[in-house]
Full PDB file with SEQRES, HELIX, SHEET, SSBOND, CRYST1, ORIGX, SCALE, CONECT and MASTER records, all heavy atoms in Angstrom:
SEQRES   1 A   37  GLU ARG LEU TYR GLU VAL SER GLN GLN ILE ASP ALA ASP          
SEQRES   2 A   37  LEU TYR VAL MET ILE ASN GLY ASP GLU PRO VAL ILE GLU          
SEQRES   3 A   37  ALA LYS ASP ILE VAL LYS CYS ILE PRO ALA ASN                  
HELIX    1 AA1 ARG A    2  SER A    7  1                                   6    
HELIX    2 AA2 ALA A   27  ILE A   30  1                                   4    
HELIX    3 AA3 VAL A   31  CYS A   33  5                                   3    
CRYST1    1.000    1.000    1.000  90.00  90.00  90.00 P 1           1          
ORIGX1      1.000000  0.000000  0.000000        0.00000                         
ORIGX2      0.000000  1.000000  0.000000        0.00000                         
ORIGX3      0.000000  0.000000  1.000000        0.00000                         
SCALE1      1.000000  0.000000  0.000000        0.00000                         
SCALE2      0.000000  1.000000  0.000000        0.00000                         
SCALE3      0.000000  0.000000  1.000000        0.00000                         
ATOM      1  N   GLU A   1     -14.584  12.993  -0.206  1.00  0.00           N  
ATOM      2  CA  GLU A   1     -15.249  13.440  -1.425  1.00  0.00           C  
ATOM      3  C   GLU A   1     -14.249  14.139  -2.346  1.00  0.00           C  
ATOM      4  O   GLU A   1     -14.296  13.984  -3.570  1.00  0.00           O  
ATOM      5  CB  GLU A   1     -16.402  14.395  -1.091  1.00  0.00           C  
ATOM      6  CG  GLU A   1     -17.326  14.684  -2.259  1.00  0.00           C  
ATOM      7  CD  GLU A   1     -18.086  13.463  -2.760  1.00  0.00           C  
ATOM      8  OE1 GLU A   1     -18.452  12.600  -1.945  1.00  0.00           O  
ATOM      9  OE2 GLU A   1     -18.301  13.365  -3.988  1.00  0.00           O  
ATOM     10  N   ARG A   2     -13.304  14.853  -1.765  1.00  0.00           N  
ATOM     11  CA  ARG A   2     -12.244  15.481  -2.567  1.00  0.00           C  
ATOM     12  C   ARG A   2     -11.376  14.398  -3.224  1.00  0.00           C  
ATOM     13  O   ARG A   2     -10.951  14.521  -4.371  1.00  0.00           O  
ATOM     14  CB  ARG A   2     -11.395  16.399  -1.688  1.00  0.00           C  
ATOM     15  CG  ARG A   2     -10.572  17.423  -2.471  1.00  0.00           C  
ATOM     16  CD  ARG A   2      -9.879  18.405  -1.546  1.00  0.00           C  
ATOM     17  NE  ARG A   2     -10.781  19.086  -0.652  1.00  0.00           N  
ATOM     18  CZ  ARG A   2     -11.553  20.112  -0.985  1.00  0.00           C  
ATOM     19  NH1 ARG A   2     -11.501  20.584  -2.228  1.00  0.00           N  
ATOM     20  NH2 ARG A   2     -12.365  20.671  -0.118  1.00  0.00           N  
ATOM     21  N   LEU A   3     -11.111  13.326  -2.470  1.00  0.00           N  
ATOM     22  CA  LEU A   3     -10.337  12.209  -3.003  1.00  0.00           C  
ATOM     23  C   LEU A   3     -11.082  11.534  -4.152  1.00  0.00           C  
ATOM     24  O   LEU A   3     -10.473  11.130  -5.150  1.00  0.00           O  
ATOM     25  CB  LEU A   3     -10.046  11.200  -1.894  1.00  0.00           C  
ATOM     26  CG  LEU A   3      -9.172  10.002  -2.261  1.00  0.00           C  
ATOM     27  CD1 LEU A   3      -7.764  10.456  -2.628  1.00  0.00           C  
ATOM     28  CD2 LEU A   3      -9.114   9.002  -1.106  1.00  0.00           C  
ATOM     29  N   TYR A   4     -12.400  11.422  -4.012  1.00  0.00           N  
ATOM     30  CA  TYR A   4     -13.202  10.846  -5.100  1.00  0.00           C  
ATOM     31  C   TYR A   4     -13.033  11.666  -6.379  1.00  0.00           C  
ATOM     32  O   TYR A   4     -12.863  11.095  -7.470  1.00  0.00           O  
ATOM     33  CB  TYR A   4     -14.684  10.784  -4.715  1.00  0.00           C  
ATOM     34  CG  TYR A   4     -15.582  10.549  -5.904  1.00  0.00           C  
ATOM     35  CD1 TYR A   4     -15.708   9.287  -6.463  1.00  0.00           C  
ATOM     36  CD2 TYR A   4     -16.274  11.610  -6.496  1.00  0.00           C  
ATOM     37  CE1 TYR A   4     -16.502   9.071  -7.589  1.00  0.00           C  
ATOM     38  CE2 TYR A   4     -17.074  11.411  -7.611  1.00  0.00           C  
ATOM     39  CZ  TYR A   4     -17.182  10.137  -8.157  1.00  0.00           C  
ATOM     40  OH  TYR A   4     -17.957   9.931  -9.274  1.00  0.00           O  
ATOM     41  N   GLU A   5     -13.052  12.983  -6.249  1.00  0.00           N  
ATOM     42  CA  GLU A   5     -12.888  13.824  -7.437  1.00  0.00           C  
ATOM     43  C   GLU A   5     -11.528  13.581  -8.092  1.00  0.00           C  
ATOM     44  O   GLU A   5     -11.412  13.517  -9.318  1.00  0.00           O  
ATOM     45  CB  GLU A   5     -13.044  15.303  -7.086  1.00  0.00           C  
ATOM     46  CG  GLU A   5     -12.978  16.195  -8.323  1.00  0.00           C  
ATOM     47  CD  GLU A   5     -13.188  17.670  -8.023  1.00  0.00           C  
ATOM     48  OE1 GLU A   5     -13.654  18.011  -6.924  1.00  0.00           O  
ATOM     49  OE2 GLU A   5     -12.880  18.492  -8.918  1.00  0.00           O  
ATOM     50  N   VAL A   6     -10.503  13.408  -7.263  1.00  0.00           N  
ATOM     51  CA  VAL A   6      -9.177  13.100  -7.801  1.00  0.00           C  
ATOM     52  C   VAL A   6      -9.207  11.772  -8.552  1.00  0.00           C  
ATOM     53  O   VAL A   6      -8.612  11.632  -9.622  1.00  0.00           O  
ATOM     54  CB  VAL A   6      -8.131  13.045  -6.664  1.00  0.00           C  
ATOM     55  CG1 VAL A   6      -6.791  12.509  -7.186  1.00  0.00           C  
ATOM     56  CG2 VAL A   6      -7.938  14.418  -6.048  1.00  0.00           C  
ATOM     57  N   SER A   7      -9.935  10.795  -8.010  1.00  0.00           N  
ATOM     58  CA  SER A   7      -9.998   9.470  -8.643  1.00  0.00           C  
ATOM     59  C   SER A   7     -10.669   9.506 -10.014  1.00  0.00           C  
ATOM     60  O   SER A   7     -10.480   8.595 -10.826  1.00  0.00           O  
ATOM     61  CB  SER A   7     -10.736   8.477  -7.736  1.00  0.00           C  
ATOM     62  OG  SER A   7     -12.140   8.701  -7.742  1.00  0.00           O  
ATOM     63  N   GLN A   8     -11.449  10.558 -10.271  1.00  0.00           N  
ATOM     64  CA  GLN A   8     -12.081  10.707 -11.579  1.00  0.00           C  
ATOM     65  C   GLN A   8     -11.121  11.326 -12.598  1.00  0.00           C  
ATOM     66  O   GLN A   8     -11.385  11.291 -13.799  1.00  0.00           O  
ATOM     67  CB  GLN A   8     -13.335  11.582 -11.453  1.00  0.00           C  
ATOM     68  CG  GLN A   8     -14.406  11.009 -10.530  1.00  0.00           C  
ATOM     69  CD  GLN A   8     -14.784   9.587 -10.902  1.00  0.00           C  
ATOM     70  OE1 GLN A   8     -15.398   9.360 -11.957  1.00  0.00           O  
ATOM     71  NE2 GLN A   8     -14.427   8.634 -10.073  1.00  0.00           N  
ATOM     72  N   GLN A   9     -10.015  11.879 -12.107  1.00  0.00           N  
ATOM     73  CA  GLN A   9      -9.032  12.504 -13.002  1.00  0.00           C  
ATOM     74  C   GLN A   9      -7.748  11.682 -13.136  1.00  0.00           C  
ATOM     75  O   GLN A   9      -7.095  11.720 -14.171  1.00  0.00           O  
ATOM     76  CB  GLN A   9      -8.672  13.900 -12.481  1.00  0.00           C  
ATOM     77  CG  GLN A   9      -9.850  14.849 -12.364  1.00  0.00           C  
ATOM     78  CD  GLN A   9      -9.426  16.211 -11.840  1.00  0.00           C  
ATOM     79  OE1 GLN A   9      -8.466  16.806 -12.331  1.00  0.00           O  
ATOM     80  NE2 GLN A   9     -10.138  16.720 -10.836  1.00  0.00           N  
ATOM     81  N   ILE A  10      -7.403  10.961 -12.057  1.00  0.00           N  
ATOM     82  CA  ILE A  10      -6.163  10.174 -12.038  1.00  0.00           C  
ATOM     83  C   ILE A  10      -6.524   8.703 -11.890  1.00  0.00           C  
ATOM     84  O   ILE A  10      -7.169   8.305 -10.914  1.00  0.00           O  
ATOM     85  CB  ILE A  10      -5.254  10.606 -10.871  1.00  0.00           C  
ATOM     86  CG1 ILE A  10      -4.952  12.104 -10.944  1.00  0.00           C  
ATOM     87  CG2 ILE A  10      -3.977   9.773 -10.855  1.00  0.00           C  
ATOM     88  CD1 ILE A  10      -4.175  12.536 -12.157  1.00  0.00           C  
ATOM     89  N   ASP A  11      -6.102   7.893 -12.845  1.00  0.00           N  
ATOM     90  CA  ASP A  11      -6.419   6.465 -12.786  1.00  0.00           C  
ATOM     91  C   ASP A  11      -5.402   5.735 -11.907  1.00  0.00           C  
ATOM     92  O   ASP A  11      -4.189   5.908 -12.066  1.00  0.00           O  
ATOM     93  CB  ASP A  11      -6.405   5.872 -14.190  1.00  0.00           C  
ATOM     94  CG  ASP A  11      -6.885   4.430 -14.192  1.00  0.00           C  
ATOM     95  OD1 ASP A  11      -7.900   4.140 -13.527  1.00  0.00           O  
ATOM     96  OD2 ASP A  11      -6.225   3.579 -14.823  1.00  0.00           O  
ATOM     97  N   ALA A  12      -5.897   4.946 -10.967  1.00  0.00           N  
ATOM     98  CA  ALA A  12      -5.030   4.163 -10.084  1.00  0.00           C  
ATOM     99  C   ALA A  12      -5.827   2.991  -9.534  1.00  0.00           C  
ATOM    100  O   ALA A  12      -7.065   2.967  -9.593  1.00  0.00           O  
ATOM    101  CB  ALA A  12      -4.489   5.018  -8.950  1.00  0.00           C  
ATOM    102  N   ASP A  13      -5.115   2.014  -8.988  1.00  0.00           N  
ATOM    103  CA  ASP A  13      -5.772   0.885  -8.331  1.00  0.00           C  
ATOM    104  C   ASP A  13      -6.051   1.190  -6.864  1.00  0.00           C  
ATOM    105  O   ASP A  13      -6.997   0.683  -6.285  1.00  0.00           O  
ATOM    106  CB  ASP A  13      -4.889  -0.366  -8.421  1.00  0.00           C  
ATOM    107  CG  ASP A  13      -4.633  -0.769  -9.865  1.00  0.00           C  
ATOM    108  OD1 ASP A  13      -5.621  -0.962 -10.590  1.00  0.00           O  
ATOM    109  OD2 ASP A  13      -3.461  -0.868 -10.261  1.00  0.00           O  
ATOM    110  N   LEU A  14      -5.198   2.028  -6.266  1.00  0.00           N  
ATOM    111  CA  LEU A  14      -5.347   2.362  -4.852  1.00  0.00           C  
ATOM    112  C   LEU A  14      -4.945   3.817  -4.647  1.00  0.00           C  
ATOM    113  O   LEU A  14      -3.910   4.266  -5.152  1.00  0.00           O  
ATOM    114  CB  LEU A  14      -4.472   1.454  -3.988  1.00  0.00           C  
ATOM    115  CG  LEU A  14      -4.761   1.462  -2.484  1.00  0.00           C  
ATOM    116  CD1 LEU A  14      -6.111   0.811  -2.174  1.00  0.00           C  
ATOM    117  CD2 LEU A  14      -3.653   0.731  -1.729  1.00  0.00           C  
ATOM    118  N   TYR A  15      -5.792   4.522  -3.906  1.00  0.00           N  
ATOM    119  CA  TYR A  15      -5.541   5.925  -3.584  1.00  0.00           C  
ATOM    120  C   TYR A  15      -5.282   6.015  -2.083  1.00  0.00           C  
ATOM    121  O   TYR A  15      -6.147   5.665  -1.269  1.00  0.00           O  
ATOM    122  CB  TYR A  15      -6.745   6.794  -3.950  1.00  0.00           C  
ATOM    123  CG  TYR A  15      -7.110   6.712  -5.412  1.00  0.00           C  
ATOM    124  CD1 TYR A  15      -7.923   5.672  -5.893  1.00  0.00           C  
ATOM    125  CD2 TYR A  15      -6.642   7.653  -6.328  1.00  0.00           C  
ATOM    126  CE1 TYR A  15      -8.246   5.580  -7.240  1.00  0.00           C  
ATOM    127  CE2 TYR A  15      -6.964   7.560  -7.679  1.00  0.00           C  
ATOM    128  CZ  TYR A  15      -7.769   6.525  -8.124  1.00  0.00           C  
ATOM    129  OH  TYR A  15      -8.088   6.430  -9.460  1.00  0.00           O  
ATOM    130  N   VAL A  16      -4.102   6.467  -1.728  1.00  0.00           N  
ATOM    131  CA  VAL A  16      -3.746   6.609  -0.318  1.00  0.00           C  
ATOM    132  C   VAL A  16      -3.852   8.083   0.058  1.00  0.00           C  
ATOM    133  O   VAL A  16      -3.152   8.930  -0.502  1.00  0.00           O  
ATOM    134  CB  VAL A  16      -2.330   6.083  -0.028  1.00  0.00           C  
ATOM    135  CG1 VAL A  16      -1.966   6.311   1.438  1.00  0.00           C  
ATOM    136  CG2 VAL A  16      -2.249   4.593  -0.360  1.00  0.00           C  
ATOM    137  N   MET A  17      -4.760   8.363   0.982  1.00  0.00           N  
ATOM    138  CA  MET A  17      -4.999   9.739   1.416  1.00  0.00           C  
ATOM    139  C   MET A  17      -4.182  10.026   2.672  1.00  0.00           C  
ATOM    140  O   MET A  17      -4.309   9.327   3.676  1.00  0.00           O  
ATOM    141  CB  MET A  17      -6.489   9.969   1.677  1.00  0.00           C  
ATOM    142  CG  MET A  17      -6.822  11.379   2.125  1.00  0.00           C  
ATOM    143  SD  MET A  17      -8.598  11.752   2.027  1.00  0.00           S  
ATOM    144  CE  MET A  17      -9.273  10.596   3.239  1.00  0.00           C  
ATOM    145  N   ILE A  18      -3.354  11.056   2.594  1.00  0.00           N  
ATOM    146  CA  ILE A  18      -2.572  11.500   3.749  1.00  0.00           C  
ATOM    147  C   ILE A  18      -3.079  12.888   4.110  1.00  0.00           C  
ATOM    148  O   ILE A  18      -2.894  13.839   3.337  1.00  0.00           O  
ATOM    149  CB  ILE A  18      -1.054  11.549   3.435  1.00  0.00           C  
ATOM    150  CG1 ILE A  18      -0.578  10.236   2.803  1.00  0.00           C  
ATOM    151  CG2 ILE A  18      -0.263  11.834   4.710  1.00  0.00           C  
ATOM    152  CD1 ILE A  18      -0.459  10.284   1.304  1.00  0.00           C  
ATOM    153  N   ASN A  19      -3.740  13.020   5.235  1.00  0.00           N  
ATOM    154  CA  ASN A  19      -4.334  14.291   5.587  1.00  0.00           C  
ATOM    155  C   ASN A  19      -3.273  15.394   5.668  1.00  0.00           C  
ATOM    156  O   ASN A  19      -2.180  15.188   6.210  1.00  0.00           O  
ATOM    157  CB  ASN A  19      -5.066  14.196   6.926  1.00  0.00           C  
ATOM    158  CG  ASN A  19      -6.385  13.457   6.810  1.00  0.00           C  
ATOM    159  OD1 ASN A  19      -6.751  13.001   5.718  1.00  0.00           O  
ATOM    160  ND2 ASN A  19      -7.104  13.321   7.901  1.00  0.00           N  
ATOM    161  N   GLY A  20      -3.616  16.550   5.154  1.00  0.00           N  
ATOM    162  CA  GLY A  20      -2.678  17.659   5.115  1.00  0.00           C  
ATOM    163  C   GLY A  20      -2.377  18.277   6.461  1.00  0.00           C  
ATOM    164  O   GLY A  20      -1.556  19.196   6.552  1.00  0.00           O  
ATOM    165  N   ASP A  21      -3.017  17.760   7.522  1.00  0.00           N  
ATOM    166  CA  ASP A  21      -2.740  18.280   8.872  1.00  0.00           C  
ATOM    167  C   ASP A  21      -2.003  17.253   9.730  1.00  0.00           C  
ATOM    168  O   ASP A  21      -2.093  17.263  10.950  1.00  0.00           O  
ATOM    169  CB  ASP A  21      -4.033  18.721   9.564  1.00  0.00           C  
ATOM    170  CG  ASP A  21      -5.065  17.599   9.683  1.00  0.00           C  
ATOM    171  OD1 ASP A  21      -4.750  16.448   9.293  1.00  0.00           O  
ATOM    172  OD2 ASP A  21      -6.182  17.865  10.167  1.00  0.00           O  
ATOM    173  N   GLU A  22      -1.258  16.343   9.059  1.00  0.00           N  
ATOM    174  CA  GLU A  22      -0.463  15.320   9.758  1.00  0.00           C  
ATOM    175  C   GLU A  22       1.027  15.536   9.451  1.00  0.00           C  
ATOM    176  O   GLU A  22       1.666  14.718   8.775  1.00  0.00           O  
ATOM    177  CB  GLU A  22      -0.891  13.918   9.313  1.00  0.00           C  
ATOM    178  CG  GLU A  22      -2.272  13.494   9.790  1.00  0.00           C  
ATOM    179  CD  GLU A  22      -2.255  12.918  11.213  1.00  0.00           C  
ATOM    180  OE1 GLU A  22      -1.174  12.905  11.836  1.00  0.00           O  
ATOM    181  OE2 GLU A  22      -3.314  12.501  11.686  1.00  0.00           O  
ATOM    182  N   PRO A  23       1.628  16.611   9.948  1.00  0.00           N  
ATOM    183  CA  PRO A  23       2.993  16.955   9.528  1.00  0.00           C  
ATOM    184  C   PRO A  23       4.098  16.063  10.061  1.00  0.00           C  
ATOM    185  O   PRO A  23       5.225  16.124   9.559  1.00  0.00           O  
ATOM    186  CB  PRO A  23       3.170  18.386  10.053  1.00  0.00           C  
ATOM    187  CG  PRO A  23       2.241  18.474  11.222  1.00  0.00           C  
ATOM    188  CD  PRO A  23       1.068  17.638  10.846  1.00  0.00           C  
ATOM    189  N   VAL A  24       3.828  15.222  11.064  1.00  0.00           N  
ATOM    190  CA  VAL A  24       4.918  14.381  11.587  1.00  0.00           C  
ATOM    191  C   VAL A  24       4.792  12.920  11.155  1.00  0.00           C  
ATOM    192  O   VAL A  24       5.632  12.091  11.497  1.00  0.00           O  
ATOM    193  CB  VAL A  24       5.022  14.466  13.135  1.00  0.00           C  
ATOM    194  CG1 VAL A  24       5.170  15.897  13.587  1.00  0.00           C  
ATOM    195  CG2 VAL A  24       3.853  13.787  13.826  1.00  0.00           C  
ATOM    196  N   ILE A  25       3.761  12.595  10.397  1.00  0.00           N  
ATOM    197  CA  ILE A  25       3.599  11.215   9.940  1.00  0.00           C  
ATOM    198  C   ILE A  25       4.726  10.880   8.956  1.00  0.00           C  
ATOM    199  O   ILE A  25       5.098  11.710   8.128  1.00  0.00           O  
ATOM    200  CB  ILE A  25       2.213  10.994   9.283  1.00  0.00           C  
ATOM    201  CG1 ILE A  25       1.858   9.511   9.199  1.00  0.00           C  
ATOM    202  CG2 ILE A  25       2.109  11.655   7.930  1.00  0.00           C  
ATOM    203  CD1 ILE A  25       1.518   8.886  10.506  1.00  0.00           C  
ATOM    204  N   GLU A  26       5.273   9.674   9.056  1.00  0.00           N  
ATOM    205  CA  GLU A  26       6.427   9.301   8.247  1.00  0.00           C  
ATOM    206  C   GLU A  26       6.092   8.195   7.250  1.00  0.00           C  
ATOM    207  O   GLU A  26       5.107   7.462   7.409  1.00  0.00           O  
ATOM    208  CB  GLU A  26       7.572   8.869   9.158  1.00  0.00           C  
ATOM    209  CG  GLU A  26       8.061   9.985  10.073  1.00  0.00           C  
ATOM    210  CD  GLU A  26       9.278   9.578  10.887  1.00  0.00           C  
ATOM    211  OE1 GLU A  26      10.143   8.867  10.341  1.00  0.00           O  
ATOM    212  OE2 GLU A  26       9.347   9.956  12.071  1.00  0.00           O  
ATOM    213  N   ALA A  27       6.950   8.068   6.231  1.00  0.00           N  
ATOM    214  CA  ALA A  27       6.719   7.111   5.151  1.00  0.00           C  
ATOM    215  C   ALA A  27       6.582   5.687   5.672  1.00  0.00           C  
ATOM    216  O   ALA A  27       5.742   4.918   5.192  1.00  0.00           O  
ATOM    217  CB  ALA A  27       7.853   7.201   4.127  1.00  0.00           C  
ATOM    218  N   LYS A  28       7.398   5.314   6.659  1.00  0.00           N  
ATOM    219  CA  LYS A  28       7.366   3.951   7.174  1.00  0.00           C  
ATOM    220  C   LYS A  28       6.024   3.605   7.808  1.00  0.00           C  
ATOM    221  O   LYS A  28       5.670   2.419   7.941  1.00  0.00           O  
ATOM    222  CB  LYS A  28       8.489   3.743   8.178  1.00  0.00           C  
ATOM    223  CG  LYS A  28       8.385   4.576   9.449  1.00  0.00           C  
ATOM    224  CD  LYS A  28       9.563   4.343  10.378  1.00  0.00           C  
ATOM    225  CE  LYS A  28       9.522   5.230  11.618  1.00  0.00           C  
ATOM    226  NZ  LYS A  28       8.337   5.008  12.450  1.00  0.00           N  
ATOM    227  N   ASP A  29       5.274   4.633   8.219  1.00  0.00           N  
ATOM    228  CA  ASP A  29       3.952   4.413   8.797  1.00  0.00           C  
ATOM    229  C   ASP A  29       2.852   4.529   7.750  1.00  0.00           C  
ATOM    230  O   ASP A  29       1.870   3.789   7.780  1.00  0.00           O  
ATOM    231  CB  ASP A  29       3.702   5.410   9.935  1.00  0.00           C  
ATOM    232  CG  ASP A  29       4.723   5.258  11.043  1.00  0.00           C  
ATOM    233  OD1 ASP A  29       4.946   4.102  11.479  1.00  0.00           O  
ATOM    234  OD2 ASP A  29       5.308   6.265  11.465  1.00  0.00           O  
ATOM    235  N   ILE A  30       3.017   5.438   6.810  1.00  0.00           N  
ATOM    236  CA  ILE A  30       2.018   5.616   5.749  1.00  0.00           C  
ATOM    237  C   ILE A  30       1.752   4.295   5.031  1.00  0.00           C  
ATOM    238  O   ILE A  30       0.601   3.939   4.752  1.00  0.00           O  
ATOM    239  CB  ILE A  30       2.478   6.691   4.746  1.00  0.00           C  
ATOM    240  CG1 ILE A  30       2.499   8.068   5.429  1.00  0.00           C  
ATOM    241  CG2 ILE A  30       1.567   6.722   3.518  1.00  0.00           C  
ATOM    242  CD1 ILE A  30       3.144   9.166   4.590  1.00  0.00           C  
ATOM    243  N   VAL A  31       2.804   3.538   4.750  1.00  0.00           N  
ATOM    244  CA  VAL A  31       2.652   2.306   3.953  1.00  0.00           C  
ATOM    245  C   VAL A  31       1.870   1.223   4.683  1.00  0.00           C  
ATOM    246  O   VAL A  31       1.428   0.252   4.052  1.00  0.00           O  
ATOM    247  CB  VAL A  31       4.022   1.749   3.520  1.00  0.00           C  
ATOM    248  CG1 VAL A  31       4.736   2.715   2.614  1.00  0.00           C  
ATOM    249  CG2 VAL A  31       4.884   1.405   4.732  1.00  0.00           C  
ATOM    250  N   LYS A  32       1.685   1.358   5.977  1.00  0.00           N  
ATOM    251  CA  LYS A  32       1.018   0.296   6.737  1.00  0.00           C  
ATOM    252  C   LYS A  32      -0.468   0.168   6.400  1.00  0.00           C  
ATOM    253  O   LYS A  32      -1.094  -0.839   6.744  1.00  0.00           O  
ATOM    254  CB  LYS A  32       1.202   0.542   8.241  1.00  0.00           C  
ATOM    255  CG  LYS A  32       2.661   0.383   8.680  1.00  0.00           C  
ATOM    256  CD  LYS A  32       2.872   0.763  10.137  1.00  0.00           C  
ATOM    257  CE  LYS A  32       4.354   0.668  10.512  1.00  0.00           C  
ATOM    258  NZ  LYS A  32       4.624   1.123  11.897  1.00  0.00           N  
ATOM    259  N   CYS A  33      -1.032   1.151   5.733  1.00  0.00           N  
ATOM    260  CA  CYS A  33      -2.443   1.046   5.335  1.00  0.00           C  
ATOM    261  C   CYS A  33      -2.609   0.337   3.998  1.00  0.00           C  
ATOM    262  O   CYS A  33      -3.735   0.084   3.561  1.00  0.00           O  
ATOM    263  CB  CYS A  33      -3.097   2.426   5.280  1.00  0.00           C  
ATOM    264  SG  CYS A  33      -2.539   3.445   3.900  1.00  0.00           S  
ATOM    265  N   ILE A  34      -1.493   0.000   3.340  1.00  0.00           N  
ATOM    266  CA  ILE A  34      -1.547  -0.614   2.018  1.00  0.00           C  
ATOM    267  C   ILE A  34      -1.549  -2.137   2.165  1.00  0.00           C  
ATOM    268  O   ILE A  34      -0.641  -2.704   2.776  1.00  0.00           O  
ATOM    269  CB  ILE A  34      -0.348  -0.163   1.168  1.00  0.00           C  
ATOM    270  CG1 ILE A  34      -0.385   1.359   0.986  1.00  0.00           C  
ATOM    271  CG2 ILE A  34      -0.352  -0.865  -0.187  1.00  0.00           C  
ATOM    272  CD1 ILE A  34       0.850   1.921   0.322  1.00  0.00           C  
ATOM    273  N   PRO A  35      -2.560  -2.825   1.633  1.00  0.00           N  
ATOM    274  CA  PRO A  35      -2.624  -4.284   1.778  1.00  0.00           C  
ATOM    275  C   PRO A  35      -1.561  -4.987   0.946  1.00  0.00           C  
ATOM    276  O   PRO A  35      -1.138  -4.485  -0.104  1.00  0.00           O  
ATOM    277  CB  PRO A  35      -4.035  -4.615   1.268  1.00  0.00           C  
ATOM    278  CG  PRO A  35      -4.342  -3.526   0.302  1.00  0.00           C  
ATOM    279  CD  PRO A  35      -3.679  -2.285   0.847  1.00  0.00           C  
ATOM    280  N   ALA A  36      -1.133  -6.151   1.418  1.00  0.00           N  
ATOM    281  CA  ALA A  36      -0.114  -6.934   0.701  1.00  0.00           C  
ATOM    282  C   ALA A  36      -0.667  -7.487  -0.601  1.00  0.00           C  
ATOM    283  O   ALA A  36       0.033  -7.559  -1.611  1.00  0.00           O  
ATOM    284  CB  ALA A  36       0.387  -8.063   1.588  1.00  0.00           C  
ATOM    285  N   ASN A  37      -1.937  -7.887  -0.580  1.00  0.00           N  
ATOM    286  CA  ASN A  37      -2.565  -8.460  -1.771  1.00  0.00           C  
ATOM    287  C   ASN A  37      -3.899  -7.762  -2.010  1.00  0.00           C  
ATOM    288  O   ASN A  37      -4.728  -7.665  -1.114  1.00  0.00           O  
ATOM    289  CB  ASN A  37      -2.821  -9.963  -1.588  1.00  0.00           C  
ATOM    290  CG  ASN A  37      -1.524 -10.732  -1.402  1.00  0.00           C  
ATOM    291  OD1 ASN A  37      -0.686 -10.775  -2.292  1.00  0.00           O  
ATOM    292  ND2 ASN A  37      -1.354 -11.334  -0.229  1.00  0.00           N  
TER     293      ASN A  37                                                      
MASTER        0    0    0    3    0    0    0    6  292    1    0    3          
END                                                                             
């Protein structure tokens, strides 16, 4: 719901949410949720 509020202020095609309690997650893994097409 917090992400939805952000989407009303920032225009984008895709919003990737990275939880603030995931301190060891790395960029190479974050991108895996993004579809190719």
